[in-house]
All heavy atoms as atom14 arrays in JSON, in Angstrom:
{
  "sequence": "MGPLSSFEQMDTVLGQLEEAKAAGATLIGGEALP",
  "atom14_mask": [
    [1, 1, 1, 1, 1, 1, 1, 1, 0, 0, 0, 0, 0, 0],
    [1, 1, 1, 1, 0, 0, 0, 0, 0, 0, 0, 0, 0, 0],
    [1, 1, 1, 1, 1, 1, 1, 0, 0, 0, 0, 0, 0, 0],
    [1, 1, 1, 1, 1, 1, 1, 1, 0, 0, 0, 0, 0, 0],
    [1, 1, 1, 1, 1, 1, 0, 0, 0, 0, 0, 0, 0, 0],
    [1, 1, 1, 1, 1, 1, 0, 0, 0, 0, 0, 0, 0, 0],
    [1, 1, 1, 1, 1, 1, 1, 1, 1, 1, 1, 0, 0, 0],
    [1, 1, 1, 1, 1, 1, 1, 1, 1, 0, 0, 0, 0, 0],
    [1, 1, 1, 1, 1, 1, 1, 1, 1, 0, 0, 0, 0, 0],
    [1, 1, 1, 1, 1, 1, 1, 1, 0, 0, 0, 0, 0, 0],
    [1, 1, 1, 1, 1, 1, 1, 1, 0, 0, 0, 0, 0, 0],
    [1, 1, 1, 1, 1, 1, 1, 0, 0, 0, 0, 0, 0, 0],
    [1, 1, 1, 1, 1, 1, 1, 0, 0, 0, 0, 0, 0, 0],
    [1, 1, 1, 1, 1, 1, 1, 1, 0, 0, 0, 0, 0, 0],
    [1, 1, 1, 1, 0, 0, 0, 0, 0, 0, 0, 0, 0, 0],
    [1, 1, 1, 1, 1, 1, 1, 1, 1, 0, 0, 0, 0, 0],
    [1, 1, 1, 1, 1, 1, 1, 1, 0, 0, 0, 0, 0, 0],
    [1, 1, 1, 1, 1, 1, 1, 1, 1, 0, 0, 0, 0, 0],
    [1, 1, 1, 1, 1, 1, 1, 1, 1, 0, 0, 0, 0, 0],
    [1, 1, 1, 1, 1, 0, 0, 0, 0, 0, 0, 0, 0, 0],
    [1, 1, 1, 1, 1, 1, 1, 1, 1, 0, 0, 0, 0, 0],
    [1, 1, 1, 1, 1, 0, 0, 0, 0, 0, 0, 0, 0, 0],
    [1, 1, 1, 1, 1, 0, 0, 0, 0, 0, 0, 0, 0, 0],
    [1, 1, 1, 1, 0, 0, 0, 0, 0, 0, 0, 0, 0, 0],
    [1, 1, 1, 1, 1, 0, 0, 0, 0, 0, 0, 0, 0, 0],
    [1, 1, 1, 1, 1, 1, 1, 0, 0, 0, 0, 0, 0, 0],
    [1, 1, 1, 1, 1, 1, 1, 1, 0, 0, 0, 0, 0, 0],
    [1, 1, 1, 1, 1, 1, 1, 1, 0, 0, 0, 0, 0, 0],
    [1, 1, 1, 1, 0, 0, 0, 0, 0, 0, 0, 0, 0, 0],
    [1, 1, 1, 1, 0, 0, 0, 0, 0, 0, 0, 0, 0, 0],
    [1, 1, 1, 1, 1, 1, 1, 1, 1, 0, 0, 0, 0, 0],
    [1, 1, 1, 1, 1, 0, 0, 0, 0, 0, 0, 0, 0, 0],
    [1, 1, 1, 1, 1, 1, 1, 1, 0, 0, 0, 0, 0, 0],
    [1, 1, 1, 1, 1, 1, 1, 0, 0, 0, 0, 0, 0, 0]
  ],
  "atom14_positions": [
    [[0.85, -1.19, 0.0], [0.0, 0.0, 0.0], [0.88, 1.24, 0.0], [1.98, 1.22, 0.55], [-0.89, 0.06, 1.24], [-1.81, -1.1, 1.46], [-2.88, -0.84, 2.92], [-1.68, -0.95, 4.26], [0.0, 0.0, 0.0], [0.0, 0.0, 0.0], [0.0, 0.0, 0.0], [0.0, 0.0, 0.0], [0.0, 0.0, 0.0], [0.0, 0.0, 0.0]],
    [[0.37, 2.3, -0.58], [0.99, 3.6, -0.44], [0.3, 4.35, 0.68], [-0.44, 3.78, 1.49], [0.0, 0.0, 0.0], [0.0, 0.0, 0.0], [0.0, 0.0, 0.0], [0.0, 0.0, 0.0], [0.0, 0.0, 0.0], [0.0, 0.0, 0.0], [0.0, 0.0, 0.0], [0.0, 0.0, 0.0], [0.0, 0.0, 0.0], [0.0, 0.0, 0.0]],
    [[0.49, 5.65, 0.76], [-0.23, 6.47, 1.74], [-1.68, 6.65, 1.3], [-2.05, 6.31, 0.18], [0.52, 7.79, 1.69], [0.99, 7.88, 0.27], [1.35, 6.47, -0.12], [0.0, 0.0, 0.0], [0.0, 0.0, 0.0], [0.0, 0.0, 0.0], [0.0, 0.0, 0.0], [0.0, 0.0, 0.0], [0.0, 0.0, 0.0], [0.0, 0.0, 0.0]],
    [[-2.49, 7.21, 2.19], [-3.8, 7.66, 1.76], [-3.61, 8.87, 0.85], [-2.53, 9.43, 0.77], [-4.68, 7.99, 2.96], [-5.51, 6.79, 3.48], [-4.61, 5.69, 4.04], [-6.51, 7.24, 4.55], [0.0, 0.0, 0.0], [0.0, 0.0, 0.0], [0.0, 0.0, 0.0], [0.0, 0.0, 0.0], [0.0, 0.0, 0.0], [0.0, 0.0, 0.0]],
    [[-4.67, 9.26, 0.18], [-4.54, 10.27, -0.88], [-4.13, 11.63, -0.38], [-3.6, 12.44, -1.15], [-5.88, 10.4, -1.62], [-6.87, 10.9, -0.75], [0.0, 0.0, 0.0], [0.0, 0.0, 0.0], [0.0, 0.0, 0.0], [0.0, 0.0, 0.0], [0.0, 0.0, 0.0], [0.0, 0.0, 0.0], [0.0, 0.0, 0.0], [0.0, 0.0, 0.0]],
    [[-4.39, 11.92, 0.9], [-4.07, 13.23, 1.45], [-4.06, 13.14, 2.97], [-4.57, 12.17, 3.56], [-5.1, 14.28, 1.01], [-6.37, 13.98, 1.57], [0.0, 0.0, 0.0], [0.0, 0.0, 0.0], [0.0, 0.0, 0.0], [0.0, 0.0, 0.0], [0.0, 0.0, 0.0], [0.0, 0.0, 0.0], [0.0, 0.0, 0.0], [0.0, 0.0, 0.0]],
    [[-3.5, 14.15, 3.59], [-3.51, 14.19, 5.05], [-4.93, 14.41, 5.57], [-5.28, 13.93, 6.65], [-2.55, 15.27, 5.53], [-1.11, 14.96, 5.23], [-0.52, 15.43, 4.05], [-0.36, 14.16, 6.07], [0.8, 15.11, 3.75], [0.96, 13.84, 5.78], [1.54, 14.32, 4.61], [0.0, 0.0, 0.0], [0.0, 0.0, 0.0], [0.0, 0.0, 0.0]],
    [[-5.74, 15.11, 4.8], [-7.14, 15.3, 5.19], [-7.88, 13.97, 5.19], [-8.68, 13.69, 6.1], [-7.82, 16.27, 4.23], [-7.34, 17.72, 4.32], [-6.01, 17.95, 3.61], [-5.53, 17.04, 2.91], [-5.46, 19.06, 3.78], [0.0, 0.0, 0.0], [0.0, 0.0, 0.0], [0.0, 0.0, 0.0], [0.0, 0.0, 0.0], [0.0, 0.0, 0.0]],
    [[-7.61, 13.13, 4.2], [-8.24, 11.82, 4.16], [-7.78, 10.95, 5.32], [-8.58, 10.21, 5.92], [-7.94, 11.13, 2.83], [-8.6, 9.77, 2.65], [-10.11, 9.82, 2.68], [-10.71, 10.85, 2.36], [-10.73, 8.73, 3.07], [0.0, 0.0, 0.0], [0.0, 0.0, 0.0], [0.0, 0.0, 0.0], [0.0, 0.0, 0.0], [0.0, 0.0, 0.0]],
    [[-6.53, 11.03, 5.67], [-6.02, 10.28, 6.82], [-6.73, 10.72, 8.1], [-7.14, 9.88, 8.92], [-4.51, 10.48, 6.96], [-3.92, 9.69, 8.13], [-2.11, 9.82, 8.25], [-1.92, 11.52, 8.76], [0.0, 0.0, 0.0], [0.0, 0.0, 0.0], [0.0, 0.0, 0.0], [0.0, 0.0, 0.0], [0.0, 0.0, 0.0], [0.0, 0.0, 0.0]],
    [[-6.9, 12.02, 8.27], [-7.59, 12.52, 9.46], [-9.04, 12.03, 9.5], [-9.56, 11.71, 10.58], [-7.56, 14.04, 9.49], [-6.17, 14.6, 9.77], [-5.32, 13.84, 10.27], [-5.93, 15.79, 9.46], [0.0, 0.0, 0.0], [0.0, 0.0, 0.0], [0.0, 0.0, 0.0], [0.0, 0.0, 0.0], [0.0, 0.0, 0.0], [0.0, 0.0, 0.0]],
    [[-9.69, 11.97, 8.35], [-11.07, 11.49, 8.29], [-11.15, 10.05, 8.77], [-12.02, 9.69, 9.6], [-11.62, 11.6, 6.86], [-11.68, 12.97, 6.49], [-13.02, 11.0, 6.77], [0.0, 0.0, 0.0], [0.0, 0.0, 0.0], [0.0, 0.0, 0.0], [0.0, 0.0, 0.0], [0.0, 0.0, 0.0], [0.0, 0.0, 0.0], [0.0, 0.0, 0.0]],
    [[-10.27, 9.2, 8.27], [-10.29, 7.77, 8.65], [-9.96, 7.6, 10.13], [-10.64, 6.85, 10.86], [-9.32, 6.97, 7.78], [-9.2, 5.53, 8.29], [-9.78, 6.97, 6.33], [0.0, 0.0, 0.0], [0.0, 0.0, 0.0], [0.0, 0.0, 0.0], [0.0, 0.0, 0.0], [0.0, 0.0, 0.0], [0.0, 0.0, 0.0], [0.0, 0.0, 0.0]],
    [[-8.95, 8.3, 10.61], [-8.59, 8.19, 12.03], [-9.74, 8.66, 12.92], [-9.98, 8.09, 13.99], [-7.32, 9.0, 12.31], [-6.03, 8.47, 11.67], [-4.87, 9.43, 11.94], [-5.7, 7.07, 12.18], [0.0, 0.0, 0.0], [0.0, 0.0, 0.0], [0.0, 0.0, 0.0], [0.0, 0.0, 0.0], [0.0, 0.0, 0.0], [0.0, 0.0, 0.0]],
    [[-10.46, 9.68, 12.47], [-11.63, 10.15, 13.22], [-12.72, 9.09, 13.29], [-13.37, 8.89, 14.33], [0.0, 0.0, 0.0], [0.0, 0.0, 0.0], [0.0, 0.0, 0.0], [0.0, 0.0, 0.0], [0.0, 0.0, 0.0], [0.0, 0.0, 0.0], [0.0, 0.0, 0.0], [0.0, 0.0, 0.0], [0.0, 0.0, 0.0], [0.0, 0.0, 0.0]],
    [[-12.95, 8.38, 12.18], [-13.93, 7.3, 12.17], [-13.54, 6.18, 13.14], [-14.39, 5.61, 13.82], [-14.07, 6.73, 10.76], [-14.8, 7.62, 9.77], [-14.88, 6.98, 8.39], [-13.85, 6.72, 7.76], [-16.08, 6.74, 7.92], [0.0, 0.0, 0.0], [0.0, 0.0, 0.0], [0.0, 0.0, 0.0], [0.0, 0.0, 0.0], [0.0, 0.0, 0.0]],
    [[-12.26, 5.89, 13.2], [-11.8, 4.82, 14.09], [-11.99, 5.21, 15.55], [-12.34, 4.36, 16.38], [-10.33, 4.51, 13.8], [-10.04, 3.98, 12.39], [-8.55, 3.66, 12.24], [-10.87, 2.74, 12.09], [0.0, 0.0, 0.0], [0.0, 0.0, 0.0], [0.0, 0.0, 0.0], [0.0, 0.0, 0.0], [0.0, 0.0, 0.0], [0.0, 0.0, 0.0]],
    [[-11.76, 6.46, 15.87], [-11.99, 6.91, 17.24], [-13.47, 6.81, 17.6], [-13.82, 6.41, 18.72], [-11.49, 8.35, 17.42], [-9.97, 8.48, 17.39], [-9.3, 7.63, 18.46], [-9.77, 7.63, 19.61], [-8.31, 6.95, 18.12], [0.0, 0.0, 0.0], [0.0, 0.0, 0.0], [0.0, 0.0, 0.0], [0.0, 0.0, 0.0], [0.0, 0.0, 0.0]],
    [[-14.33, 7.15, 16.67], [-15.78, 7.03, 16.91], [-16.16, 5.57, 17.11], [-17.0, 5.25, 17.96], [-16.56, 7.61, 15.73], [-16.51, 9.12, 15.62], [-17.35, 9.63, 14.45], [-18.05, 8.83, 13.82], [-17.3, 10.84, 14.18], [0.0, 0.0, 0.0], [0.0, 0.0, 0.0], [0.0, 0.0, 0.0], [0.0, 0.0, 0.0], [0.0, 0.0, 0.0]],
    [[-15.56, 4.68, 16.34], [-15.87, 3.25, 16.46], [-15.46, 2.73, 17.83], [-16.21, 1.99, 18.48], [-15.16, 2.47, 15.36], [0.0, 0.0, 0.0], [0.0, 0.0, 0.0], [0.0, 0.0, 0.0], [0.0, 0.0, 0.0], [0.0, 0.0, 0.0], [0.0, 0.0, 0.0], [0.0, 0.0, 0.0], [0.0, 0.0, 0.0], [0.0, 0.0, 0.0]],
    [[-14.27, 3.1, 18.28], [-13.81, 2.65, 19.59], [-14.7, 3.21, 20.71], [-15.0, 2.52, 21.69], [-12.35, 3.03, 19.79], [-11.39, 2.24, 18.9], [-9.94, 2.49, 19.26], [-9.46, 3.85, 18.85], [-8.0, 4.03, 19.11], [0.0, 0.0, 0.0], [0.0, 0.0, 0.0], [0.0, 0.0, 0.0], [0.0, 0.0, 0.0], [0.0, 0.0, 0.0]],
    [[-15.11, 4.46, 20.53], [-15.98, 5.07, 21.54], [-17.33, 4.36, 21.6], [-17.97, 4.33, 22.66], [-16.18, 6.55, 21.23], [0.0, 0.0, 0.0], [0.0, 0.0, 0.0], [0.0, 0.0, 0.0], [0.0, 0.0, 0.0], [0.0, 0.0, 0.0], [0.0, 0.0, 0.0], [0.0, 0.0, 0.0], [0.0, 0.0, 0.0], [0.0, 0.0, 0.0]],
    [[-17.75, 3.78, 20.48], [-19.04, 3.07, 20.43], [-18.92, 1.64, 20.96], [-19.93, 0.94, 21.06], [-19.57, 3.05, 19.01], [0.0, 0.0, 0.0], [0.0, 0.0, 0.0], [0.0, 0.0, 0.0], [0.0, 0.0, 0.0], [0.0, 0.0, 0.0], [0.0, 0.0, 0.0], [0.0, 0.0, 0.0], [0.0, 0.0, 0.0], [0.0, 0.0, 0.0]],
    [[-17.69, 1.19, 21.27], [-17.52, -0.14, 21.84], [-16.79, -1.13, 20.97], [-16.59, -2.28, 21.36], [0.0, 0.0, 0.0], [0.0, 0.0, 0.0], [0.0, 0.0, 0.0], [0.0, 0.0, 0.0], [0.0, 0.0, 0.0], [0.0, 0.0, 0.0], [0.0, 0.0, 0.0], [0.0, 0.0, 0.0], [0.0, 0.0, 0.0], [0.0, 0.0, 0.0]],
    [[-16.37, -0.73, 19.76], [-15.66, -1.64, 18.86], [-14.2, -1.79, 19.3], [-13.65, -0.93, 19.99], [-15.72, -1.12, 17.43], [0.0, 0.0, 0.0], [0.0, 0.0, 0.0], [0.0, 0.0, 0.0], [0.0, 0.0, 0.0], [0.0, 0.0, 0.0], [0.0, 0.0, 0.0], [0.0, 0.0, 0.0], [0.0, 0.0, 0.0], [0.0, 0.0, 0.0]],
    [[-13.59, -2.9, 18.89], [-12.17, -3.14, 19.16], [-11.39, -2.99, 17.86], [-11.75, -3.59, 16.84], [-11.97, -4.57, 19.71], [-12.66, -4.69, 20.96], [-10.49, -4.85, 19.92], [0.0, 0.0, 0.0], [0.0, 0.0, 0.0], [0.0, 0.0, 0.0], [0.0, 0.0, 0.0], [0.0, 0.0, 0.0], [0.0, 0.0, 0.0], [0.0, 0.0, 0.0]],
    [[-10.33, -2.2, 17.9], [-9.5, -1.98, 16.72], [-8.19, -2.74, 16.88], [-7.48, -2.58, 17.87], [-9.2, -0.48, 16.53], [-8.23, -0.12, 15.4], [-8.79, -0.52, 14.04], [-7.9, 1.37, 15.43], [0.0, 0.0, 0.0], [0.0, 0.0, 0.0], [0.0, 0.0, 0.0], [0.0, 0.0, 0.0], [0.0, 0.0, 0.0], [0.0, 0.0, 0.0]],
    [[-7.88, -3.56, 15.89], [-6.62, -4.29, 15.84], [-5.79, -3.69, 14.71], [-6.19, -3.77, 13.54], [-6.86, -5.79, 15.59], [-7.81, -6.35, 16.65], [-5.54, -6.56, 15.58], [-8.33, -7.74, 16.32], [0.0, 0.0, 0.0], [0.0, 0.0, 0.0], [0.0, 0.0, 0.0], [0.0, 0.0, 0.0], [0.0, 0.0, 0.0], [0.0, 0.0, 0.0]],
    [[-4.67, -3.07, 15.02], [-3.88, -2.39, 14.01], [-4.52, -1.07, 13.63], [-5.13, -0.38, 14.46], [0.0, 0.0, 0.0], [0.0, 0.0, 0.0], [0.0, 0.0, 0.0], [0.0, 0.0, 0.0], [0.0, 0.0, 0.0], [0.0, 0.0, 0.0], [0.0, 0.0, 0.0], [0.0, 0.0, 0.0], [0.0, 0.0, 0.0], [0.0, 0.0, 0.0]],
    [[-4.37, -0.68, 12.36], [-5.05, 0.51, 11.87], [-4.57, 1.81, 12.46], [-5.36, 2.75, 12.65], [0.0, 0.0, 0.0], [0.0, 0.0, 0.0], [0.0, 0.0, 0.0], [0.0, 0.0, 0.0], [0.0, 0.0, 0.0], [0.0, 0.0, 0.0], [0.0, 0.0, 0.0], [0.0, 0.0, 0.0], [0.0, 0.0, 0.0], [0.0, 0.0, 0.0]],
    [[-3.29, 1.92, 12.76], [-2.75, 3.13, 13.37], [-2.02, 3.99, 12.35], [-1.52, 3.49, 11.34], [-1.79, 2.76, 14.51], [-2.46, 1.98, 15.63], [-1.46, 1.55, 16.69], [-0.24, 1.61, 16.39], [-1.9, 1.16, 17.78], [0.0, 0.0, 0.0], [0.0, 0.0, 0.0], [0.0, 0.0, 0.0], [0.0, 0.0, 0.0], [0.0, 0.0, 0.0]],
    [[-1.97, 5.28, 12.62], [-1.14, 6.16, 11.8], [0.31, 5.76, 11.98], [0.77, 5.51, 13.1], [-1.36, 7.61, 12.22], [0.0, 0.0, 0.0], [0.0, 0.0, 0.0], [0.0, 0.0, 0.0], [0.0, 0.0, 0.0], [0.0, 0.0, 0.0], [0.0, 0.0, 0.0], [0.0, 0.0, 0.0], [0.0, 0.0, 0.0], [0.0, 0.0, 0.0]],
    [[1.04, 5.67, 10.88], [2.42, 5.22, 10.93], [3.37, 6.4, 11.08], [3.09, 7.49, 10.59], [2.74, 4.42, 9.66], [1.85, 3.2, 9.41], [2.29, 2.46, 8.15], [1.88, 2.25, 10.61], [0.0, 0.0, 0.0], [0.0, 0.0, 0.0], [0.0, 0.0, 0.0], [0.0, 0.0, 0.0], [0.0, 0.0, 0.0], [0.0, 0.0, 0.0]],
    [[4.5, 6.19, 11.76], [5.44, 7.31, 11.94], [6.04, 7.75, 10.62], [6.11, 7.0, 9.66], [6.51, 6.69, 12.87], [6.41, 5.21, 12.65], [4.96, 4.94, 12.38], [0.0, 0.0, 0.0], [0.0, 0.0, 0.0], [0.0, 0.0, 0.0], [0.0, 0.0, 0.0], [0.0, 0.0, 0.0], [0.0, 0.0, 0.0], [0.0, 0.0, 0.0]]
  ]
}
């Protein structure tokens, strides 16, 4: 994989993941890479 298309798109996805965890879901992996 390459990067996401933009930093804005990365922020959108990371925001969705935070909402999912707040709703009770478990996230395995899926982290922003250094």
